[in-house]
């Protein structure tokens, strides 16, 4: 009680924040858990059905398909979203002209500021088989016919991976560049005195010093693997839906379009549980707690 009286001002300042999280985060989460165990109806009784909703989701063939799509597209995003910004940051760090380096950083960062409505619409136009710039370039350089990128199941998932990487690469790149700026210059000086080349400086000095940042980026990407929604919503259509629909699209279709709220909520909690497992495995594999 003495501690409570001593720091009562601090606790009072924290109270609005605690209430905010309880009202807008924890209460909806607990309420959603209850709904997932009910036969939810907007009007009328809502009898508890136990784990029936979870069993129905896991036995749904569509859920299996969207789960496979999620891991395929999410795995591509995880790998590309980790490697490409790192390569870009290492390349920009080697640029001597300051004005070019700053301009390049600005150009690659700008897509991160756009909403997925803008980005999705832009790339749909660019990839259009009739007037899209990409197909015009393909035809100019000897292509026989335009490619229907977003109407072909074999192309569509990787188009989404590419567009997502293009959009978020600049943000992650800046994280790497900030970490590079914090590297002790004496490490480079010592390596140069030992006769290290520029390539060896990158591989033996810069990259090892970026390991903590790499772990953070990998963890953040792993957390978002199962929760992707916006890019798929914007770039899916009737022709590619079977190849690109992911788990969050499944919950959207069940909960919003079909109004099977209990099924959608159960699927959502399966995503939460799977995200915990995936994050735990990633954390152990990269030895996140070891720095």
Protein backbone atom coordinates (compact mmCIF):
# COMPACT_ATOMS: atom_id res chain seq x y z
CA UNK A 1 0.00 0.00 0.00
CA UNK A 2 2.89 2.35 0.70
CA UNK A 3 4.14 1.84 -2.86
CA UNK A 4 0.64 2.48 -4.20
CA UNK A 5 0.36 5.76 -2.28
CA UNK A 6 3.87 6.81 -3.25
CA UNK A 7 3.30 6.30 -6.98
CA UNK A 8 -0.43 7.04 -7.13
CA UNK A 9 0.12 9.83 -9.67
CA UNK A 10 1.92 7.45 -12.02
CA UNK A 11 -0.83 4.84 -11.65
CA UNK A 12 -3.51 7.44 -12.34
CA UNK A 13 -1.67 8.48 -15.50
CA UNK A 14 -1.51 4.84 -16.61
CA UNK A 15 -5.22 4.22 -15.91
CA UNK A 16 -6.56 5.72 -19.21
CA UNK A 17 -4.06 3.62 -21.19
CA UNK A 18 -5.03 0.46 -19.30
CA UNK A 19 -8.74 1.20 -19.87
CA UNK A 20 -8.10 1.80 -23.58
CA UNK A 21 -6.41 -1.57 -24.01
CA UNK A 22 -9.07 -3.35 -21.96
CA UNK A 23 -12.00 -1.81 -23.84
CA UNK A 24 -10.59 -2.01 -27.38
CA UNK A 25 -8.27 -5.04 -27.18
CA UNK A 26 -8.85 -7.48 -24.35
CA UNK A 27 -12.64 -7.24 -24.05
CA UNK A 28 -13.23 -7.84 -27.80
CA UNK A 29 -10.75 -10.73 -27.65
CA UNK A 30 -12.56 -12.38 -24.72
CA UNK A 31 -15.95 -11.70 -26.28
CA UNK A 32 -14.73 -13.24 -29.54
CA UNK A 33 -13.61 -16.35 -27.68
CA UNK A 34 -17.12 -16.72 -26.23
CA UNK A 35 -18.69 -16.24 -29.67
CA UNK A 36 -16.44 -18.93 -31.16
CA UNK A 37 -17.96 -21.40 -28.68
CA UNK A 38 -21.56 -20.42 -29.49
CA UNK A 39 -24.04 -20.81 -32.30
CA UNK A 40 -24.07 -17.03 -32.69
CA UNK A 41 -27.20 -15.26 -33.91
CA UNK A 42 -27.88 -11.56 -34.13
CA UNK A 43 -31.31 -12.03 -32.57
CA UNK A 44 -32.43 -14.85 -30.35
CA UNK A 45 -30.67 -17.41 -28.15
CA UNK A 46 -26.97 -18.16 -28.61
CA UNK A 47 -26.49 -21.70 -27.35
CA UNK A 48 -23.01 -22.92 -26.53
CA UNK A 49 -21.78 -25.63 -28.91
CA UNK A 50 -18.34 -26.23 -27.44
CA UNK A 51 -15.61 -26.91 -30.01
CA UNK A 52 -18.03 -27.68 -32.84
CA UNK A 53 -17.15 -24.47 -34.70
CA UNK A 54 -13.43 -25.26 -34.53
CA UNK A 55 -14.06 -28.81 -35.76
CA UNK A 56 -16.20 -27.47 -38.62
CA UNK A 57 -13.42 -25.08 -39.67
CA UNK A 58 -10.70 -27.76 -39.56
CA UNK A 59 -12.87 -30.19 -41.54
CA UNK A 60 -13.73 -27.63 -44.21
CA UNK A 61 -11.80 -28.45 -47.45
CA UNK A 62 -11.74 -24.74 -48.30
CA UNK A 63 -9.92 -24.01 -45.04
CA UNK A 64 -7.22 -26.53 -45.92
CA UNK A 65 -6.79 -24.90 -49.33
CA UNK A 66 -6.55 -21.37 -47.96
CA UNK A 67 -4.11 -22.59 -45.29
CA UNK A 68 -1.81 -23.98 -47.98
CA UNK A 69 -2.11 -20.71 -49.90
CA UNK A 70 -1.33 -18.76 -46.74
CA UNK A 71 1.88 -20.65 -46.04
CA UNK A 72 2.96 -20.47 -49.67
CA UNK A 73 2.35 -16.75 -50.12
CA UNK A 74 3.36 -15.93 -46.55
CA UNK A 75 6.57 -17.93 -46.91
CA UNK A 76 7.40 -16.00 -50.08
CA UNK A 77 6.73 -12.70 -48.34
CA UNK A 78 8.81 -13.78 -45.35
CA UNK A 79 11.82 -14.70 -47.48
CA UNK A 80 11.62 -11.82 -49.96
CA UNK A 81 10.76 -9.28 -47.25
CA UNK A 82 13.87 -10.31 -45.34
CA UNK A 83 16.43 -10.66 -48.14
CA UNK A 84 15.57 -7.85 -50.57
CA UNK A 85 15.65 -4.92 -48.07
CA UNK A 86 18.96 -6.23 -46.71
CA UNK A 87 20.52 -6.34 -50.16
CA UNK A 88 19.15 -2.89 -50.94
CA UNK A 89 20.48 -1.43 -47.69
CA UNK A 90 23.93 -2.95 -48.24
CA UNK A 91 23.97 -1.56 -51.79
CA UNK A 92 22.89 1.94 -50.76
CA UNK A 93 25.48 1.96 -47.99
CA UNK A 94 28.19 1.59 -50.63
CA UNK A 95 27.00 4.63 -52.60
CA UNK A 96 29.42 7.52 -52.19
CA UNK A 97 27.23 10.33 -53.60
CA UNK A 98 25.13 11.52 -50.67
CA UNK A 99 22.44 13.14 -52.84
CA UNK A 100 21.91 9.92 -54.81
CA UNK A 101 21.72 7.86 -51.63
CA UNK A 102 19.11 10.15 -50.05
CA UNK A 103 17.07 10.29 -53.28
CA UNK A 104 17.10 6.49 -53.59
CA UNK A 105 15.99 6.12 -49.96
CA UNK A 106 13.08 8.49 -50.59
CA UNK A 107 12.02 6.72 -53.78
CA UNK A 108 11.99 3.23 -52.23
CA UNK A 109 10.25 4.46 -49.07
CA UNK A 110 7.35 6.28 -50.76
CA UNK A 111 5.34 3.08 -51.65
CA UNK A 112 5.15 2.25 -47.92
CA UNK A 113 3.09 5.42 -47.42
CA UNK A 114 0.45 4.41 -49.97
CA UNK A 115 -2.62 2.44 -48.95
CA UNK A 116 -3.23 -0.97 -50.47
CA UNK A 117 -6.16 0.50 -52.38
CA UNK A 118 -3.73 2.74 -54.28
CA UNK A 119 -0.98 0.13 -54.63
CA UNK A 120 -3.35 -2.66 -55.68
CA UNK A 121 -5.16 -0.48 -58.23
CA UNK A 122 -1.86 0.76 -59.66
CA UNK A 123 -0.40 -2.71 -60.16
CA UNK A 124 -3.66 -4.06 -61.60
CA UNK A 125 -3.35 -1.36 -64.27
CA UNK A 126 0.37 -1.99 -64.82
CA UNK A 127 -0.20 -5.74 -65.25
CA UNK A 128 -3.28 -5.42 -67.45
CA UNK A 129 -2.99 -7.73 -70.50
CA UNK A 130 -4.45 -5.06 -72.80
CA UNK A 131 -2.93 -1.71 -71.87
CA UNK A 132 -0.59 -2.54 -68.98
CA UNK A 133 2.96 -1.20 -69.17
CA UNK A 134 4.48 -4.56 -68.18
CA UNK A 135 2.85 -6.43 -71.04
CA UNK A 136 3.70 -3.63 -73.46
CA UNK A 137 7.37 -4.06 -72.54
CA UNK A 138 7.10 -7.86 -72.93
CA UNK A 139 5.58 -7.47 -76.41
CA UNK A 140 8.18 -4.87 -77.39
CA UNK A 141 11.01 -7.26 -76.54
CA UNK A 142 9.64 -10.14 -78.56
CA UNK A 143 6.83 -11.63 -76.51
CA UNK A 144 4.27 -13.60 -78.49
CA UNK A 145 1.22 -12.56 -76.51
CA UNK A 146 0.35 -10.65 -73.32
CA UNK A 147 0.48 -12.52 -70.01
CA UNK A 148 -2.60 -12.53 -67.79
CA UNK A 149 -0.65 -12.20 -64.56
CA UNK A 150 -3.62 -11.80 -62.22
CA UNK A 151 -5.88 -14.23 -64.05
CA UNK A 152 -3.44 -17.14 -64.02
CA UNK A 153 -3.21 -19.28 -60.89
CA UNK A 154 0.49 -20.02 -61.39
CA UNK A 155 1.42 -16.31 -61.56
CA UNK A 156 -1.01 -14.61 -59.18
CA UNK A 157 0.49 -15.72 -55.81
CA UNK A 158 3.98 -14.59 -56.79
CA UNK A 159 2.66 -11.30 -58.13
CA UNK A 160 1.20 -10.64 -54.67
CA UNK A 161 4.53 -11.58 -53.06
CA UNK A 162 6.37 -9.22 -55.42
CA UNK A 163 4.00 -6.29 -54.91
CA UNK A 164 4.04 -6.68 -51.12
CA UNK A 165 7.85 -6.78 -51.12
CA UNK A 166 7.99 -3.73 -53.40
CA UNK A 167 5.65 -1.81 -51.10
CA UNK A 168 7.35 -2.61 -47.78
CA UNK A 169 10.98 -2.89 -48.88
CA UNK A 170 11.79 0.78 -48.32
CA UNK A 171 10.56 0.78 -44.72
CA UNK A 172 12.63 -2.28 -43.77
CA UNK A 173 15.61 -0.94 -45.73
CA UNK A 174 15.64 2.18 -43.56
CA UNK A 175 15.74 0.00 -40.45
CA UNK A 176 18.86 -1.70 -41.81
CA UNK A 177 20.44 1.62 -42.82
CA UNK A 178 19.84 3.00 -39.33
CA UNK A 179 21.56 -0.07 -37.86
CA UNK A 180 24.47 0.33 -40.30
CA UNK A 181 24.88 3.96 -39.25
CA UNK A 182 25.32 2.79 -35.65
CA UNK A 183 28.21 0.43 -36.42
CA UNK A 184 31.46 1.49 -34.74
CA UNK A 185 33.78 2.98 -37.46
CA UNK A 186 36.81 1.53 -35.68
CA UNK A 187 35.71 -1.94 -36.81
CA UNK A 188 36.05 -0.87 -40.45
CA UNK A 189 39.37 0.83 -39.79
CA UNK A 190 40.80 -2.28 -38.14
CA UNK A 191 39.60 -4.45 -41.03
CA UNK A 192 41.14 -2.10 -43.61
CA UNK A 193 44.45 -2.19 -41.76
CA UNK A 194 44.33 -5.98 -42.12
CA UNK A 195 43.89 -5.56 -45.87
CA UNK A 196 40.16 -6.31 -46.16
CA UNK A 197 38.48 -5.49 -49.49
CA UNK A 198 35.08 -3.76 -49.74
CA UNK A 199 33.37 -7.11 -50.22
CA UNK A 200 35.11 -8.51 -47.15
CA UNK A 201 34.15 -5.41 -45.14
CA UNK A 202 30.50 -6.05 -45.99
CA UNK A 203 30.61 -9.77 -45.27
CA UNK A 204 32.81 -9.78 -42.17
CA UNK A 205 31.94 -6.43 -40.53
CA UNK A 206 28.62 -5.01 -41.73
CA UNK A 207 26.55 -8.20 -41.96
CA UNK A 208 27.56 -9.60 -38.51
CA UNK A 209 26.73 -6.25 -36.91
CA UNK A 210 23.28 -6.36 -38.51
CA UNK A 211 22.33 -9.72 -36.99
CA UNK A 212 20.24 -8.21 -34.14
CA UNK A 213 18.29 -6.09 -36.65
CA UNK A 214 17.85 -9.12 -38.92
CA UNK A 215 16.31 -11.01 -36.01
CA UNK A 216 13.85 -8.18 -35.33
CA UNK A 217 12.85 -8.00 -39.01
CA UNK A 218 12.43 -11.77 -39.20
CA UNK A 219 10.26 -11.79 -36.08
CA UNK A 220 8.06 -8.96 -37.39
CA UNK A 221 7.66 -10.72 -40.74
CA UNK A 222 6.85 -14.03 -39.02
CA UNK A 223 4.11 -12.32 -36.99
CA UNK A 224 2.42 -11.12 -40.17
CA UNK A 225 2.65 -14.36 -42.21
CA UNK A 226 -0.78 -15.66 -41.21
CA UNK A 227 -2.47 -12.25 -40.93
CA UNK A 228 -2.07 -11.02 -44.52
CA UNK A 229 -5.31 -9.65 -45.89
CA UNK A 230 -5.09 -6.29 -47.69
CA UNK A 231 -2.93 -7.35 -50.67
CA UNK A 232 -5.03 -10.45 -51.30
CA UNK A 233 -8.31 -8.55 -50.98
CA UNK A 234 -7.13 -5.96 -53.51
CA UNK A 235 -5.55 -8.31 -56.07
CA UNK A 236 -7.75 -11.41 -55.95
CA UNK A 237 -10.49 -12.08 -58.47
CA UNK A 238 -12.68 -14.92 -59.66
CA UNK A 239 -9.93 -16.36 -61.86
CA UNK A 240 -7.19 -16.55 -59.24
CA UNK A 241 -9.17 -16.90 -55.99
CA UNK A 242 -8.43 -20.60 -55.59
CA UNK A 243 -4.67 -19.92 -55.66
CA UNK A 244 -4.50 -16.71 -53.62
CA UNK A 245 -7.28 -16.82 -51.01
CA UNK A 246 -5.70 -16.93 -47.54
CA UNK A 247 -7.01 -17.63 -44.05
CA UNK A 248 -7.99 -14.02 -43.35
CA UNK A 249 -9.97 -13.97 -46.59
CA UNK A 250 -11.72 -17.12 -45.36
CA UNK A 251 -12.72 -15.36 -42.11
CA UNK A 252 -13.87 -12.31 -44.11
CA UNK A 253 -16.03 -14.42 -46.41
CA UNK A 254 -17.53 -16.47 -43.58
CA UNK A 255 -18.07 -13.58 -41.16
CA UNK A 256 -18.96 -10.63 -43.42
CA UNK A 257 -20.34 -12.14 -46.63
CA UNK A 258 -22.04 -15.27 -45.27
CA UNK A 259 -22.59 -13.96 -41.72
CA UNK A 260 -21.39 -17.18 -40.11
CA UNK A 261 -19.87 -15.22 -37.24
CA UNK A 262 -19.09 -18.19 -35.01
CA UNK A 263 -17.23 -20.01 -37.80
CA UNK A 264 -15.29 -16.88 -38.72
CA UNK A 265 -14.37 -16.21 -35.09
CA UNK A 266 -13.20 -19.79 -34.60
CA UNK A 267 -11.03 -19.48 -37.71
CA UNK A 268 -9.64 -16.24 -36.32
CA UNK A 269 -8.64 -17.90 -33.05
CA UNK A 270 -6.99 -20.71 -34.99
CA UNK A 271 -4.91 -18.01 -36.70
CA UNK A 272 -4.00 -16.53 -33.32
CA UNK A 273 -2.93 -19.93 -31.97
CA UNK A 274 -0.96 -20.75 -35.13
CA UNK A 275 0.74 -17.33 -34.98
CA UNK A 276 1.85 -18.02 -31.40
CA UNK A 277 3.31 -21.37 -32.47
CA UNK A 278 5.01 -19.92 -35.56
CA UNK A 279 6.45 -17.03 -33.55
CA UNK A 280 7.74 -19.38 -30.86
CA UNK A 281 9.41 -21.66 -33.42
CA UNK A 282 10.96 -18.68 -35.23
CA UNK A 283 12.18 -17.22 -31.94
CA UNK A 284 13.90 -20.49 -31.04
CA UNK A 285 15.38 -21.07 -34.50
CA UNK A 286 16.98 -17.63 -34.75
CA UNK A 287 17.95 -17.62 -31.03
CA UNK A 288 16.25 -14.25 -30.63
CA UNK A 289 16.91 -14.01 -26.87
CA UNK A 290 20.64 -14.45 -27.32
CA UNK A 291 21.04 -11.01 -28.91
